[in-house]
Amino acid sequence: MIVPRINAAAGSAVLLETQAITPKAGRLPGIDSKARMSKPDGNAIALSASTEEIRSSVRAMFSEPDQPRVEGPGCIEGDVVFTYLAYRT
């Protein structure tokens, strides 16, 4: 609400009003797939994380926690890795 007031006071469009970018889902699950991503819980990937830290965190994610063996049929519902992939598209 402050941008329109500044622009009105200036008499021209000094600042551009932006729109929020909201994801389809509210929050990303934590990398442990147990709760939402949270720094105190230690299941988050920091925005300042290095490439190697991100790679290590992603490789440690649980994929299909309800399926103990690779040979069985897969299910992507509730899978943390597929949830993160969905945010890319």
Protein backbone atom coordinates (compact mmCIF):
# COMPACT_ATOMS: atom_id res chain seq x y z
CA MET A 1 0.00 0.00 0.00
CA ILE A 2 2.98 2.30 0.33
CA VAL A 3 3.94 2.32 -3.37
CA PRO A 4 0.71 4.03 -4.54
CA ARG A 5 1.09 6.67 -1.82
CA ILE A 6 4.69 7.41 -2.83
CA ASN A 7 3.73 7.59 -6.50
CA ALA A 8 0.77 9.89 -5.68
CA ALA A 9 3.00 12.17 -3.60
CA ALA A 10 5.60 12.29 -6.38
CA GLY A 11 2.98 12.93 -9.07
CA SER A 12 4.33 10.16 -11.30
CA ALA A 13 5.19 6.45 -11.22
CA VAL A 14 8.47 6.58 -9.30
CA LEU A 15 8.16 3.04 -8.00
CA LEU A 16 6.71 -0.02 -9.71
CA GLU A 17 4.06 -1.96 -7.84
CA THR A 18 4.90 -5.66 -7.76
CA GLN A 19 2.72 -8.71 -7.37
CA ALA A 20 3.49 -11.49 -4.91
CA ILE A 21 4.72 -14.77 -6.33
CA THR A 22 2.88 -17.46 -4.42
CA PRO A 23 3.54 -21.17 -4.86
CA LYS A 24 0.83 -23.75 -5.47
CA ALA A 25 1.44 -25.26 -2.04
CA GLY A 26 1.86 -23.25 1.13
CA ARG A 27 5.18 -24.53 2.39
CA LEU A 28 7.89 -26.90 1.34
CA PRO A 29 8.25 -30.01 3.44
CA GLY A 30 11.48 -30.46 5.36
CA ILE A 31 14.22 -32.58 3.88
CA ASP A 32 13.42 -35.26 6.46
CA SER A 33 9.80 -35.47 5.11
CA LYS A 34 8.39 -35.26 8.65
CA ALA A 35 7.31 -31.63 8.95
CA ARG A 36 7.50 -28.27 7.22
CA MET A 37 10.94 -26.92 6.47
CA SER A 38 12.32 -25.24 9.59
CA LYS A 39 15.79 -24.05 10.53
CA PRO A 40 15.40 -24.92 14.26
CA ASP A 41 14.35 -28.46 13.34
CA GLY A 42 17.47 -28.87 11.20
CA ASN A 43 15.49 -29.98 8.16
CA ALA A 44 15.95 -26.89 6.00
CA ILE A 45 18.13 -25.84 3.09
CA ALA A 46 19.46 -22.35 3.71
CA LEU A 47 19.12 -19.74 0.97
CA SER A 48 22.83 -19.05 1.43
CA ALA A 49 23.77 -22.74 1.08
CA SER A 50 26.59 -23.60 -1.27
CA THR A 51 26.11 -25.91 -4.24
CA GLU A 52 27.71 -28.76 -2.32
CA GLU A 53 25.47 -28.19 0.74
CA ILE A 54 22.38 -28.25 -1.47
CA ARG A 55 23.58 -31.37 -3.28
CA SER A 56 24.24 -33.12 0.04
CA SER A 57 20.82 -32.16 1.44
CA VAL A 58 18.96 -33.31 -1.67
CA ARG A 59 20.81 -36.62 -1.74
CA ALA A 60 19.86 -37.21 1.90
CA MET A 61 16.12 -36.70 1.22
CA PHE A 62 13.83 -39.64 1.72
CA SER A 63 12.26 -40.82 -1.50
CA GLU A 64 9.12 -42.92 -1.08
CA PRO A 65 9.40 -43.50 2.68
CA ASP A 66 6.57 -46.08 2.58
CA GLN A 67 8.34 -48.26 0.03
CA PRO A 68 11.22 -50.23 1.59
CA ARG A 69 12.42 -51.81 -1.68
CA VAL A 70 13.25 -50.34 -5.06
CA GLU A 71 11.70 -53.26 -6.97
CA GLY A 72 8.10 -52.43 -6.01
CA PRO A 73 5.77 -50.01 -7.80
CA GLY A 74 6.30 -46.36 -6.96
CA CYS A 75 3.99 -43.75 -5.51
CA ILE A 76 4.81 -40.04 -5.83
CA GLU A 77 2.16 -38.73 -3.40
CA GLY A 78 3.92 -37.57 -0.25
CA ASP A 79 7.38 -38.08 -1.75
CA VAL A 80 9.60 -35.14 -0.76
CA VAL A 81 11.79 -35.35 -3.86
CA PHE A 82 8.78 -35.19 -6.20
CA THR A 83 7.33 -32.31 -4.17
CA TYR A 84 10.50 -30.30 -4.77
CA LEU A 85 10.48 -31.23 -8.47
CA ALA A 86 6.90 -29.96 -8.74
CA TYR A 87 8.07 -26.49 -7.61
CA ARG A 88 10.44 -26.32 -10.58
CA THR A 89 7.63 -26.57 -13.13
